[in-house]
Amino acid sequence: MSYKSKLSGGYVSVGPFLEAEKAVSEFIENLYFIILMNESMKERNQIQKIYDEAVRENDREAEGTAKRQLQAADNMLSLALSSIKYDEASEV
């Protein structure tokens, strides 16, 4: 499999700089994924608070809406987590 340089626009194609660029690119992708997951979890927690408040106040309409939003958020998080590809070489 050939690697197309993402950071240098394809100028680095061999040598130690290519390996460093691959590592930096992978690090950036992982960091971005973590940021997205963090934001998704914050949003899910906000929906959970709305749901809990609706249950306390016995507001069935708000409870149903929040419950559907929680299910959607949980499904999206599950999908995102299942899409993680583990590099067999880095597993301990």
PDB file of N, CA and C in Angstrom:
ATOM      1  N   MET A   1       0.836  -1.168   0.000  1.00  0.00           N
ATOM      2  CA  MET A   1       0.000   0.000   0.000  1.00  0.00           C
ATOM      3  C   MET A   1       0.883   1.233   0.000  1.00  0.00           C
ATOM      4  N   SER A   2       0.591   2.155  -0.821  1.00  0.00           N
ATOM      5  CA  SER A   2       1.391   3.369  -0.905  1.00  0.00           C
ATOM      6  C   SER A   2       0.781   4.455  -0.039  1.00  0.00           C
ATOM      7  N   TYR A   3       1.626   5.277   0.509  1.00  0.00           N
ATOM      8  CA  TYR A   3       1.195   6.360   1.392  1.00  0.00           C
ATOM      9  C   TYR A   3       1.352   7.682   0.669  1.00  0.00           C
ATOM     10  N   LYS A   4       0.266   8.434   0.552  1.00  0.00           N
ATOM     11  CA  LYS A   4       0.321   9.769  -0.054  1.00  0.00           C
ATOM     12  C   LYS A   4       0.450  10.766   1.077  1.00  0.00           C
ATOM     13  N   SER A   5       1.465  11.555   1.014  1.00  0.00           N
ATOM     14  CA  SER A   5       1.736  12.558   2.021  1.00  0.00           C
ATOM     15  C   SER A   5       0.577  13.532   2.131  1.00  0.00           C
ATOM     16  N   LYS A   6       0.051  13.692   3.354  1.00  0.00           N
ATOM     17  CA  LYS A   6      -1.056  14.609   3.589  1.00  0.00           C
ATOM     18  C   LYS A   6      -0.553  15.997   3.970  1.00  0.00           C
ATOM     19  N   LEU A   7       0.532  16.044   4.686  1.00  0.00           N
ATOM     20  CA  LEU A   7       1.008  17.311   5.219  1.00  0.00           C
ATOM     21  C   LEU A   7       1.847  18.092   4.220  1.00  0.00           C
ATOM     22  N   SER A   8       2.690  17.407   3.469  1.00  0.00           N
ATOM     23  CA  SER A   8       3.591  18.123   2.559  1.00  0.00           C
ATOM     24  C   SER A   8       3.096  18.108   1.120  1.00  0.00           C
ATOM     25  N   GLY A   9       1.896  17.646   0.911  1.00  0.00           N
ATOM     26  CA  GLY A   9       1.347  17.634  -0.443  1.00  0.00           C
ATOM     27  C   GLY A   9       1.999  16.630  -1.363  1.00  0.00           C
ATOM     28  N   GLY A  10       2.609  15.596  -0.812  1.00  0.00           N
ATOM     29  CA  GLY A  10       3.210  14.555  -1.623  1.00  0.00           C
ATOM     30  C   GLY A  10       4.681  14.747  -1.927  1.00  0.00           C
ATOM     31  N   TYR A  11       5.310  15.771  -1.368  1.00  0.00           N
ATOM     32  CA  TYR A  11       6.721  16.024  -1.661  1.00  0.00           C
ATOM     33  C   TYR A  11       7.652  15.049  -0.955  1.00  0.00           C
ATOM     34  N   VAL A  12       7.233  14.560   0.207  1.00  0.00           N
ATOM     35  CA  VAL A  12       8.059  13.608   0.943  1.00  0.00           C
ATOM     36  C   VAL A  12       7.575  12.212   0.581  1.00  0.00           C
ATOM     37  N   SER A  13       8.455  11.421  -0.030  1.00  0.00           N
ATOM     38  CA  SER A  13       8.012  10.097  -0.466  1.00  0.00           C
ATOM     39  C   SER A  13       8.867   8.957   0.077  1.00  0.00           C
ATOM     40  N   VAL A  14      10.033   9.250   0.639  1.00  0.00           N
ATOM     41  CA  VAL A  14      10.893   8.201   1.197  1.00  0.00           C
ATOM     42  C   VAL A  14      11.667   8.765   2.378  1.00  0.00           C
ATOM     43  N   GLY A  15      12.256   7.846   3.128  1.00  0.00           N
ATOM     44  CA  GLY A  15      13.182   8.248   4.171  1.00  0.00           C
ATOM     45  C   GLY A  15      12.533   8.528   5.519  1.00  0.00           C
ATOM     46  N   PRO A  16      13.364   8.994   6.433  1.00  0.00           N
ATOM     47  CA  PRO A  16      12.888   9.209   7.803  1.00  0.00           C
ATOM     48  C   PRO A  16      11.826  10.306   7.904  1.00  0.00           C
ATOM     49  N   PHE A  17      11.850  11.267   6.992  1.00  0.00           N
ATOM     50  CA  PHE A  17      10.840  12.322   7.054  1.00  0.00           C
ATOM     51  C   PHE A  17       9.449  11.789   6.720  1.00  0.00           C
ATOM     52  N   LEU A  18       9.384  10.789   5.836  1.00  0.00           N
ATOM     53  CA  LEU A  18       8.097  10.182   5.515  1.00  0.00           C
ATOM     54  C   LEU A  18       7.535   9.483   6.744  1.00  0.00           C
ATOM     55  N   GLU A  19       8.365   8.731   7.445  1.00  0.00           N
ATOM     56  CA  GLU A  19       7.901   8.029   8.651  1.00  0.00           C
ATOM     57  C   GLU A  19       7.440   9.025   9.708  1.00  0.00           C
ATOM     58  N   ALA A  20       8.201  10.109   9.866  1.00  0.00           N
ATOM     59  CA  ALA A  20       7.805  11.139  10.840  1.00  0.00           C
ATOM     60  C   ALA A  20       6.485  11.772  10.415  1.00  0.00           C
ATOM     61  N   GLU A  21       6.324  12.024   9.129  1.00  0.00           N
ATOM     62  CA  GLU A  21       5.090  12.626   8.645  1.00  0.00           C
ATOM     63  C   GLU A  21       3.900  11.694   8.864  1.00  0.00           C
ATOM     64  N   LYS A  22       4.098  10.396   8.646  1.00  0.00           N
ATOM     65  CA  LYS A  22       3.029   9.428   8.900  1.00  0.00           C
ATOM     66  C   LYS A  22       2.621   9.468  10.366  1.00  0.00           C
ATOM     67  N   ALA A  23       3.603   9.504  11.259  1.00  0.00           N
ATOM     68  CA  ALA A  23       3.327   9.521  12.693  1.00  0.00           C
ATOM     69  C   ALA A  23       2.586  10.798  13.091  1.00  0.00           C
ATOM     70  N   VAL A  24       3.013  11.930  12.564  1.00  0.00           N
ATOM     71  CA  VAL A  24       2.356  13.202  12.874  1.00  0.00           C
ATOM     72  C   VAL A  24       0.932  13.201  12.335  1.00  0.00           C
ATOM     73  N   SER A  25       0.746  12.711  11.132  1.00  0.00           N
ATOM     74  CA  SER A  25      -0.576  12.662  10.525  1.00  0.00           C
ATOM     75  C   SER A  25      -1.515  11.776  11.345  1.00  0.00           C
ATOM     76  N   GLU A  26      -1.044  10.623  11.765  1.00  0.00           N
ATOM     77  CA  GLU A  26      -1.848   9.715  12.582  1.00  0.00           C
ATOM     78  C   GLU A  26      -2.181  10.352  13.929  1.00  0.00           C
ATOM     79  N   PHE A  27      -1.211  11.040  14.523  1.00  0.00           N
ATOM     80  CA  PHE A  27      -1.434  11.725  15.787  1.00  0.00           C
ATOM     81  C   PHE A  27      -2.525  12.789  15.639  1.00  0.00           C
ATOM     82  N   ILE A  28      -2.464  13.562  14.566  1.00  0.00           N
ATOM     83  CA  ILE A  28      -3.453  14.617  14.330  1.00  0.00           C
ATOM     84  C   ILE A  28      -4.849  14.012  14.143  1.00  0.00           C
ATOM     85  N   GLU A  29      -4.936  12.932  13.383  1.00  0.00           N
ATOM     86  CA  GLU A  29      -6.224  12.270  13.174  1.00  0.00           C
ATOM     87  C   GLU A  29      -6.792  11.752  14.497  1.00  0.00           C
ATOM     88  N   ASN A  30      -5.932  11.158  15.314  1.00  0.00           N
ATOM     89  CA  ASN A  30      -6.379  10.653  16.612  1.00  0.00           C
ATOM     90  C   ASN A  30      -6.814  11.784  17.537  1.00  0.00           C
ATOM     91  N   LEU A  31      -6.072  12.868  17.524  1.00  0.00           N
ATOM     92  CA  LEU A  31      -6.421  14.024  18.346  1.00  0.00           C
ATOM     93  C   LEU A  31      -7.775  14.593  17.921  1.00  0.00           C
ATOM     94  N   TYR A  32      -7.989  14.711  16.634  1.00  0.00           N
ATOM     95  CA  TYR A  32      -9.261  15.212  16.119  1.00  0.00           C
ATOM     96  C   TYR A  32     -10.404  14.287  16.525  1.00  0.00           C
ATOM     97  N   PHE A  33     -10.187  12.987  16.450  1.00  0.00           N
ATOM     98  CA  PHE A  33     -11.206  12.016  16.845  1.00  0.00           C
ATOM     99  C   PHE A  33     -11.541  12.174  18.328  1.00  0.00           C
ATOM    100  N   ILE A  34     -10.529  12.361  19.161  1.00  0.00           N
ATOM    101  CA  ILE A  34     -10.748  12.539  20.597  1.00  0.00           C
ATOM    102  C   ILE A  34     -11.554  13.806  20.861  1.00  0.00           C
ATOM    103  N   ILE A  35     -11.237  14.875  20.155  1.00  0.00           N
ATOM    104  CA  ILE A  35     -11.978  16.131  20.320  1.00  0.00           C
ATOM    105  C   ILE A  35     -13.447  15.927  19.940  1.00  0.00           C
ATOM    106  N   LEU A  36     -13.689  15.269  18.826  1.00  0.00           N
ATOM    107  CA  LEU A  36     -15.063  15.011  18.390  1.00  0.00           C
ATOM    108  C   LEU A  36     -15.815  14.136  19.394  1.00  0.00           C
ATOM    109  N   MET A  37     -15.150  13.122  19.909  1.00  0.00           N
ATOM    110  CA  MET A  37     -15.789  12.249  20.908  1.00  0.00           C
ATOM    111  C   MET A  37     -16.101  13.033  22.180  1.00  0.00           C
ATOM    112  N   ASN A  38     -15.185  13.883  22.602  1.00  0.00           N
ATOM    113  CA  ASN A  38     -15.397  14.701  23.797  1.00  0.00           C
ATOM    114  C   ASN A  38     -16.612  15.611  23.615  1.00  0.00           C
ATOM    115  N   GLU A  39     -16.697  16.274  22.465  1.00  0.00           N
ATOM    116  CA  GLU A  39     -17.837  17.152  22.190  1.00  0.00           C
ATOM    117  C   GLU A  39     -19.140  16.349  22.136  1.00  0.00           C
ATOM    118  N   SER A  40     -19.093  15.172  21.553  1.00  0.00           N
ATOM    119  CA  SER A  40     -20.286  14.322  21.483  1.00  0.00           C
ATOM    120  C   SER A  40     -20.740  13.887  22.871  1.00  0.00           C
ATOM    121  N   MET A  41     -19.792  13.565  23.725  1.00  0.00           N
ATOM    122  CA  MET A  41     -20.135  13.164  25.098  1.00  0.00           C
ATOM    123  C   MET A  41     -20.716  14.339  25.884  1.00  0.00           C
ATOM    124  N   LYS A  42     -20.185  15.541  25.687  1.00  0.00           N
ATOM    125  CA  LYS A  42     -20.742  16.722  26.348  1.00  0.00           C
ATOM    126  C   LYS A  42     -22.195  16.930  25.923  1.00  0.00           C
ATOM    127  N   GLU A  43     -22.432  16.819  24.621  1.00  0.00           N
ATOM    128  CA  GLU A  43     -23.789  16.991  24.109  1.00  0.00           C
ATOM    129  C   GLU A  43     -24.722  15.928  24.664  1.00  0.00           C
ATOM    130  N   ARG A  44     -24.244  14.693  24.724  1.00  0.00           N
ATOM    131  CA  ARG A  44     -25.052  13.600  25.259  1.00  0.00           C
ATOM    132  C   ARG A  44     -25.383  13.856  26.726  1.00  0.00           C
ATOM    133  N   ASN A  45     -24.410  14.348  27.483  1.00  0.00           N
ATOM    134  CA  ASN A  45     -24.653  14.646  28.895  1.00  0.00           C
ATOM    135  C   ASN A  45     -25.692  15.752  29.072  1.00  0.00           C
ATOM    136  N   GLN A  46     -25.671  16.755  28.186  1.00  0.00           N
ATOM    137  CA  GLN A  46     -26.684  17.820  28.226  1.00  0.00           C
ATOM    138  C   GLN A  46     -28.077  17.246  27.973  1.00  0.00           C
ATOM    139  N   ILE A  47     -28.178  16.351  26.994  1.00  0.00           N
ATOM    140  CA  ILE A  47     -29.463  15.712  26.695  1.00  0.00           C
ATOM    141  C   ILE A  47     -29.915  14.879  27.886  1.00  0.00           C
ATOM    142  N   GLN A  48     -28.981  14.200  28.542  1.00  0.00           N
ATOM    143  CA  GLN A  48     -29.324  13.393  29.717  1.00  0.00           C
ATOM    144  C   GLN A  48     -29.896  14.271  30.826  1.00  0.00           C
ATOM    145  N   LYS A  49     -29.326  15.447  31.025  1.00  0.00           N
ATOM    146  CA  LYS A  49     -29.847  16.376  32.037  1.00  0.00           C
ATOM    147  C   LYS A  49     -31.273  16.809  31.699  1.00  0.00           C
ATOM    148  N   ILE A  50     -31.513  17.097  30.425  1.00  0.00           N
ATOM    149  CA  ILE A  50     -32.858  17.486  29.988  1.00  0.00           C
ATOM    150  C   ILE A  50     -33.833  16.336  30.223  1.00  0.00           C
ATOM    151  N   TYR A  51     -33.398  15.130  29.903  1.00  0.00           N
ATOM    152  CA  TYR A  51     -34.238  13.943  30.116  1.00  0.00           C
ATOM    153  C   TYR A  51     -34.552  13.757  31.596  1.00  0.00           C
ATOM    154  N   ASP A  52     -33.521  13.848  32.445  1.00  0.00           N
ATOM    155  CA  ASP A  52     -33.729  13.672  33.882  1.00  0.00           C
ATOM    156  C   ASP A  52     -34.688  14.722  34.444  1.00  0.00           C
ATOM    157  N   GLU A  53     -34.561  15.950  33.976  1.00  0.00           N
ATOM    158  CA  GLU A  53     -35.446  17.020  34.429  1.00  0.00           C
ATOM    159  C   GLU A  53     -36.883  16.757  33.970  1.00  0.00           C
ATOM    160  N   ALA A  54     -37.050  16.291  32.744  1.00  0.00           N
ATOM    161  CA  ALA A  54     -38.391  15.983  32.231  1.00  0.00           C
ATOM    162  C   ALA A  54     -39.035  14.862  33.037  1.00  0.00           C
ATOM    163  N   VAL A  55     -38.243  13.865  33.436  1.00  0.00           N
ATOM    164  CA  VAL A  55     -38.766  12.768  34.245  1.00  0.00           C
ATOM    165  C   VAL A  55     -39.191  13.299  35.616  1.00  0.00           C
ATOM    166  N   ARG A  56     -38.342  14.145  36.226  1.00  0.00           N
ATOM    167  CA  ARG A  56     -38.671  14.715  37.548  1.00  0.00           C
ATOM    168  C   ARG A  56     -39.958  15.539  37.502  1.00  0.00           C
ATOM    169  N   GLU A  57     -40.118  16.293  36.410  1.00  0.00           N
ATOM    170  CA  GLU A  57     -41.278  17.174  36.282  1.00  0.00           C
ATOM    171  C   GLU A  57     -42.483  16.469  35.667  1.00  0.00           C
ATOM    172  N   ASN A  58     -42.335  15.200  35.361  1.00  0.00           N
ATOM    173  CA  ASN A  58     -43.397  14.387  34.775  1.00  0.00           C
ATOM    174  C   ASN A  58     -43.908  14.982  33.457  1.00  0.00           C
ATOM    175  N   ASP A  59     -42.979  15.510  32.659  1.00  0.00           N
ATOM    176  CA  ASP A  59     -43.301  16.088  31.351  1.00  0.00           C
ATOM    177  C   ASP A  59     -43.073  15.007  30.297  1.00  0.00           C
ATOM    178  N   ARG A  60     -44.142  14.301  29.962  1.00  0.00           N
ATOM    179  CA  ARG A  60     -44.032  13.144  29.062  1.00  0.00           C
ATOM    180  C   ARG A  60     -43.558  13.527  27.668  1.00  0.00           C
ATOM    181  N   GLU A  61     -43.994  14.673  27.160  1.00  0.00           N
ATOM    182  CA  GLU A  61     -43.592  15.085  25.818  1.00  0.00           C
ATOM    183  C   GLU A  61     -42.084  15.360  25.764  1.00  0.00           C
ATOM    184  N   ALA A  62     -41.584  16.143  26.715  1.00  0.00           N
ATOM    185  CA  ALA A  62     -40.151  16.442  26.759  1.00  0.00           C
ATOM    186  C   ALA A  62     -39.347  15.179  27.047  1.00  0.00           C
ATOM    187  N   GLU A  63     -39.895  14.308  27.873  1.00  0.00           N
ATOM    188  CA  GLU A  63     -39.215  13.045  28.193  1.00  0.00           C
ATOM    189  C   GLU A  63     -39.058  12.187  26.945  1.00  0.00           C
ATOM    190  N   GLY A  64     -40.126  12.084  26.155  1.00  0.00           N
ATOM    191  CA  GLY A  64     -40.070  11.282  24.933  1.00  0.00           C
ATOM    192  C   GLY A  64     -39.081  11.847  23.921  1.00  0.00           C
ATOM    193  N   THR A  65     -39.095  13.170  23.772  1.00  0.00           N
ATOM    194  CA  THR A  65     -38.168  13.818  22.844  1.00  0.00           C
ATOM    195  C   THR A  65     -36.730  13.594  23.282  1.00  0.00           C
ATOM    196  N   ALA A  66     -36.465  13.817  24.569  1.00  0.00           N
ATOM    197  CA  ALA A  66     -35.101  13.647  25.080  1.00  0.00           C
ATOM    198  C   ALA A  66     -34.663  12.187  24.991  1.00  0.00           C
ATOM    199  N   LYS A  67     -35.591  11.269  25.229  1.00  0.00           N
ATOM    200  CA  LYS A  67     -35.246   9.843  25.149  1.00  0.00           C
ATOM    201  C   LYS A  67     -34.833   9.469  23.728  1.00  0.00           C
ATOM    202  N   ARG A  68     -35.559   9.971  22.732  1.00  0.00           N
ATOM    203  CA  ARG A  68     -35.189   9.699  21.337  1.00  0.00           C
ATOM    204  C   ARG A  68     -33.836  10.332  20.999  1.00  0.00           C
ATOM    205  N   GLN A  69     -33.594  11.536  21.520  1.00  0.00           N
ATOM    206  CA  GLN A  69     -32.308  12.191  21.283  1.00  0.00           C
ATOM    207  C   GLN A  69     -31.174  11.416  21.952  1.00  0.00           C
ATOM    208  N   LEU A  70     -31.425  10.887  23.148  1.00  0.00           N
ATOM    209  CA  LEU A  70     -30.409  10.070  23.830  1.00  0.00           C
ATOM    210  C   LEU A  70     -30.104   8.808  23.032  1.00  0.00           C
ATOM    211  N   GLN A  71     -31.140   8.175  22.528  1.00  0.00           N
ATOM    212  CA  GLN A  71     -30.932   6.961  21.731  1.00  0.00           C
ATOM    213  C   GLN A  71     -30.122   7.267  20.478  1.00  0.00           C
ATOM    214  N   ALA A  72     -30.426   8.387  19.830  1.00  0.00           N
ATOM    215  CA  ALA A  72     -29.680   8.778  18.630  1.00  0.00           C
ATOM    216  C   ALA A  72     -28.223   9.074  18.980  1.00  0.00           C
ATOM    217  N   ALA A  73     -28.009   9.791  20.079  1.00  0.00           N
ATOM    218  CA  ALA A  73     -26.641  10.112  20.505  1.00  0.00           C
ATOM    219  C   ALA A  73     -25.872   8.840  20.848  1.00  0.00           C
ATOM    220  N   ASP A  74     -26.517   7.925  21.560  1.00  0.00           N
ATOM    221  CA  ASP A  74     -25.859   6.663  21.916  1.00  0.00           C
ATOM    222  C   ASP A  74     -25.512   5.846  20.673  1.00  0.00           C
ATOM    223  N   ASN A  75     -26.433   5.828  19.707  1.00  0.00           N
ATOM    224  CA  ASN A  75     -26.163   5.090  18.467  1.00  0.00           C
ATOM    225  C   ASN A  75     -25.000   5.697  17.692  1.00  0.00           C
ATOM    226  N   MET A  76     -24.944   7.030  17.644  1.00  0.00           N
ATOM    227  CA  MET A  76     -23.838   7.682  16.934  1.00  0.00           C
ATOM    228  C   MET A  76     -22.510   7.402  17.637  1.00  0.00           C
ATOM    229  N   LEU A  77     -22.506   7.433  18.972  1.00  0.00           N
ATOM    230  CA  LEU A  77     -21.270   7.142  19.701  1.00  0.00           C
ATOM    231  C   LEU A  77     -20.842   5.690  19.492  1.00  0.00           C
ATOM    232  N   SER A  78     -21.798   4.790  19.503  1.00  0.00           N
ATOM    233  CA  SER A  78     -21.477   3.372  19.265  1.00  0.00           C
ATOM    234  C   SER A  78     -20.892   3.170  17.880  1.00  0.00           C
ATOM    235  N   LEU A  79     -21.485   3.835  16.902  1.00  0.00           N
ATOM    236  CA  LEU A  79     -20.979   3.737  15.533  1.00  0.00           C
ATOM    237  C   LEU A  79     -19.560   4.293  15.431  1.00  0.00           C
ATOM    238  N   ALA A  80     -19.335   5.432  16.067  1.00  0.00           N
ATOM    239  CA  ALA A  80     -17.998   6.038  16.026  1.00  0.00           C
ATOM    240  C   ALA A  80     -16.969   5.135  16.693  1.00  0.00           C
ATOM    241  N   LEU A  81     -17.341   4.557  17.827  1.00  0.00           N
ATOM    242  CA  LEU A  81     -16.400   3.681  18.532  1.00  0.00           C
ATOM    243  C   LEU A  81     -16.137   2.389  17.758  1.00  0.00           C
ATOM    244  N   SER A  82     -17.155   1.895  17.063  1.00  0.00           N
ATOM    245  CA  SER A  82     -16.949   0.657  16.308  1.00  0.00           C
ATOM    246  C   SER A  82     -16.112   0.889  15.052  1.00  0.00           C
ATOM    247  N   SER A  83     -15.977   2.147  14.652  1.00  0.00           N
ATOM    248  CA  SER A  83     -15.200   2.430  13.445  1.00  0.00           C
ATOM    249  C   SER A  83     -13.706   2.560  13.721  1.00  0.00           C
ATOM    250  N   ILE A  84     -13.334   2.514  14.985  1.00  0.00           N
ATOM    251  CA  ILE A  84     -11.916   2.621  15.317  1.00  0.00           C
ATOM    252  C   ILE A  84     -11.197   1.380  14.796  1.00  0.00           C
ATOM    253  N   LYS A  85     -10.122   1.623  14.072  1.00  0.00           N
ATOM    254  CA  LYS A  85      -9.329   0.509  13.544  1.00  0.00           C
ATOM    255  C   LYS A  85      -8.071   0.397  14.399  1.00  0.00           C
ATOM    256  N   TYR A  86      -7.837  -0.781  14.931  1.00  0.00           N
ATOM    257  CA  TYR A  86      -6.670  -0.991  15.762  1.00  0.00           C
ATOM    258  C   TYR A  86      -5.505  -1.456  14.897  1.00  0.00           C
ATOM    259  N   ASP A  87      -4.392  -0.848  15.108  1.00  0.00           N
ATOM    260  CA  ASP A  87      -3.174  -1.231  14.406  1.00  0.00           C
ATOM    261  C   ASP A  87      -2.594  -2.439  15.139  1.00  0.00           C
ATOM    262  N   GLU A  88      -2.623  -3.587  14.498  1.00  0.00           N
ATOM    263  CA  GLU A  88      -2.169  -4.822  15.137  1.00  0.00           C
ATOM    264  C   GLU A  88      -0.724  -4.735  15.611  1.00  0.00           C
ATOM    265  N   ALA A  89       0.068  -3.980  14.937  1.00  0.00           N
ATOM    266  CA  ALA A  89       1.485  -3.864  15.323  1.00  0.00           C
ATOM    267  C   ALA A  89       1.645  -3.096  16.630  1.00  0.00           C
ATOM    268  N   SER A  90       0.714  -2.219  16.964  1.00  0.00           N
ATOM    269  CA  SER A  90       0.867  -1.411  18.180  1.00  0.00           C
ATOM    270  C   SER A  90       0.153  -2.017  19.373  1.00  0.00           C
ATOM    271  N   GLU A  91      -0.620  -3.086  19.175  1.00  0.00           N
ATOM    272  CA  GLU A  91      -1.308  -3.713  20.304  1.00  0.00           C
ATOM    273  C   GLU A  91      -0.308  -4.419  21.193  1.00  0.00           C
ATOM    274  N   VAL A  92      -0.598  -4.344  22.490  1.00  0.00           N
ATOM    275  CA  VAL A  92       0.312  -4.982  23.461  1.00  0.00           C
ATOM    276  C   VAL A  92      -0.232  -6.317  23.854  1.00  0.00           C
TER     277      VAL A  92
END
